[in-house]
Amino acid sequence: MFILRLENDQALQQADVHEHWWIQSHHIEFLEPTHFINNDRTNLEPLLQHLAQRYQHWPPHQQAVIYSQLEELANTPPVVLEEPVISKPRGRPVGTKNKNKGMTQRELSEFEHVKKCARQCGTCHQIGHNCHTCPNA
């Protein structure tokens, strides 16, 4: 059927394509906020009446999708938000004062404790200045 329509330059019908490939919208675009009376969102009657009128003009596959969504919406219990469970984070707590406890740095060996020599000038090898400020240069 599909190929015959293409060969005869006829338009494809929705029934020619498997239902799996139909585009089914999960949001209802035709419902505009103007259907609320004075923006009263507690009165659903005008909205439901408009939905019922539009429902009659939809193709059967779209009616089935909307019907199942409305049925799920009507039968789902309301979601109750609860306070989140606060879990203890890993690592050292922020603001602790005992930062040296549990430190992973190793202790220095004996030969590493030797005092470092003062730096010398690269030109005259005297202590107290460097090669840029050397008086002998």
Protein backbone atom coordinates (compact mmCIF):
# COMPACT_ATOMS: atom_id res chain seq x y z
CA MET A 1 0.00 0.00 0.00
CA PHE A 2 2.81 2.36 0.95
CA ILE A 3 4.75 1.77 -2.26
CA LEU A 4 1.62 1.94 -4.43
CA ARG A 5 0.80 5.41 -3.10
CA LEU A 6 4.36 6.60 -3.76
CA GLU A 7 4.36 5.19 -7.31
CA ASN A 8 1.01 6.86 -8.09
CA ASP A 9 2.11 10.19 -6.57
CA GLN A 10 -0.63 10.00 -3.95
CA ALA A 11 -0.40 11.49 -0.51
CA LEU A 12 0.42 9.10 2.29
CA GLN A 13 -2.24 8.53 4.93
CA GLN A 14 -1.49 8.18 8.60
CA ALA A 15 -2.80 4.61 8.48
CA ASP A 16 -0.01 3.78 5.98
CA VAL A 17 2.63 4.28 8.67
CA HIS A 18 2.94 1.98 11.68
CA GLU A 19 1.62 3.49 14.92
CA HIS A 20 5.08 3.25 16.47
CA TRP A 21 6.29 6.06 14.18
CA TRP A 22 3.42 8.44 14.83
CA ILE A 23 4.41 11.64 16.59
CA GLN A 24 2.53 11.84 19.83
CA SER A 25 2.76 15.09 21.71
CA HIS A 26 3.01 14.83 25.48
CA HIS A 27 1.91 18.39 26.03
CA ILE A 28 -1.39 19.90 25.03
CA GLU A 29 -0.68 22.99 22.92
CA PHE A 30 -4.26 23.99 22.15
CA LEU A 31 -5.10 24.78 25.78
CA GLU A 32 -4.46 28.45 26.23
CA PRO A 33 -4.61 30.41 29.49
CA THR A 34 -7.53 32.41 28.06
CA HIS A 35 -9.82 29.50 28.91
CA PHE A 36 -9.50 30.28 32.62
CA ILE A 37 -12.16 32.62 33.89
CA ASN A 38 -10.35 35.67 35.33
CA ASN A 39 -7.22 33.52 35.73
CA ASP A 40 -9.08 31.43 38.31
CA ARG A 41 -7.16 28.16 38.22
CA THR A 42 -9.41 26.55 40.82
CA ASN A 43 -12.36 26.32 38.40
CA LEU A 44 -11.57 23.53 35.94
CA GLU A 45 -14.98 23.31 34.27
CA PRO A 46 -14.25 25.63 31.27
CA LEU A 47 -10.95 23.90 30.66
CA LEU A 48 -12.46 20.41 30.84
CA GLN A 49 -15.34 21.42 28.54
CA HIS A 50 -12.90 22.76 25.98
CA LEU A 51 -10.84 19.59 26.24
CA ALA A 52 -13.95 17.42 25.75
CA GLN A 53 -14.94 19.41 22.63
CA ARG A 54 -11.48 19.11 21.09
CA TYR A 55 -11.24 15.41 22.02
CA GLN A 56 -14.10 14.54 19.64
CA HIS A 57 -12.18 15.91 16.62
CA TRP A 58 -8.89 14.10 17.23
CA PRO A 59 -7.88 10.92 15.42
CA PRO A 60 -8.34 7.67 17.40
CA HIS A 61 -4.64 7.21 18.14
CA GLN A 62 -4.38 10.69 19.67
CA GLN A 63 -7.58 10.11 21.67
CA ALA A 64 -6.04 6.93 23.07
CA VAL A 65 -2.87 8.75 24.13
CA ILE A 66 -4.71 11.64 25.77
CA TYR A 67 -7.16 9.26 27.45
CA SER A 68 -4.34 7.21 28.97
CA GLN A 69 -2.56 10.38 30.15
CA LEU A 70 -5.74 11.74 31.76
CA GLU A 71 -6.44 8.36 33.36
CA GLU A 72 -2.91 8.24 34.77
CA LEU A 73 -3.24 11.82 36.04
CA ALA A 74 -6.57 11.05 37.72
CA ASN A 75 -5.34 7.83 39.37
CA THR A 76 -1.91 8.98 40.52
CA PRO A 77 -1.76 10.03 44.17
CA PRO A 78 -0.58 13.59 44.77
CA VAL A 79 3.16 14.02 45.27
CA VAL A 80 4.03 15.10 48.79
CA LEU A 81 7.38 16.82 49.08
CA GLU A 82 9.33 16.02 52.21
CA GLU A 83 12.42 17.53 53.73
CA PRO A 84 15.51 16.03 52.14
CA VAL A 85 17.69 13.70 54.17
CA ILE A 86 20.95 15.48 54.91
CA SER A 87 23.84 13.06 54.71
CA LYS A 88 27.22 13.62 56.28
CA PRO A 89 29.67 14.70 53.57
CA ARG A 90 33.02 13.02 53.14
CA GLY A 91 36.27 14.64 54.20
CA ARG A 92 37.16 17.15 56.89
CA PRO A 93 34.26 19.40 57.86
CA VAL A 94 34.52 23.00 56.73
CA GLY A 95 35.94 25.34 59.39
CA THR A 96 37.68 22.78 61.59
CA LYS A 97 40.70 24.01 63.49
CA ASN A 98 42.63 20.77 63.82
CA LYS A 99 43.98 20.86 60.30
CA ASN A 100 47.27 19.14 61.20
CA LYS A 101 45.56 16.07 62.63
CA GLY A 102 45.32 13.36 60.04
CA MET A 103 47.77 15.13 57.76
CA THR A 104 49.25 12.80 55.16
CA GLN A 105 52.57 14.62 54.77
CA ARG A 106 55.57 12.50 55.80
CA GLU A 107 58.06 13.48 58.44
CA LEU A 108 61.47 14.66 57.26
CA SER A 109 64.45 12.31 57.50
CA GLU A 110 67.47 13.28 59.64
CA PHE A 111 69.60 14.45 56.71
CA GLU A 112 66.69 16.62 55.52
CA HIS A 113 66.72 18.54 58.81
CA VAL A 114 70.14 20.07 58.01
CA LYS A 115 69.94 23.83 57.84
CA LYS A 116 69.75 25.22 54.37
CA CYS A 117 72.68 27.43 53.45
CA ALA A 118 72.01 31.05 52.71
CA ARG A 119 72.01 31.88 49.02
CA GLN A 120 75.15 33.30 47.50
CA CYS A 121 75.75 35.73 44.69
CA GLY A 122 76.32 33.94 41.39
CA THR A 123 79.12 36.37 40.42
CA CYS A 124 81.26 36.91 43.54
CA HIS A 125 79.88 34.09 45.75
CA GLN A 126 79.29 36.48 48.68
CA ILE A 127 76.22 36.19 50.94
CA GLY A 128 73.75 39.07 51.23
CA HIS A 129 73.05 39.97 47.61
CA ASN A 130 72.48 38.37 44.24
CA CYS A 131 74.08 38.68 40.84
CA HIS A 132 71.74 41.51 39.80
CA THR A 133 72.67 43.69 42.78
CA CYS A 134 76.32 42.61 43.02
CA PRO A 135 78.65 45.57 43.77
CA ASN A 136 81.54 43.82 42.00
CA ALA A 137 79.76 43.45 38.69
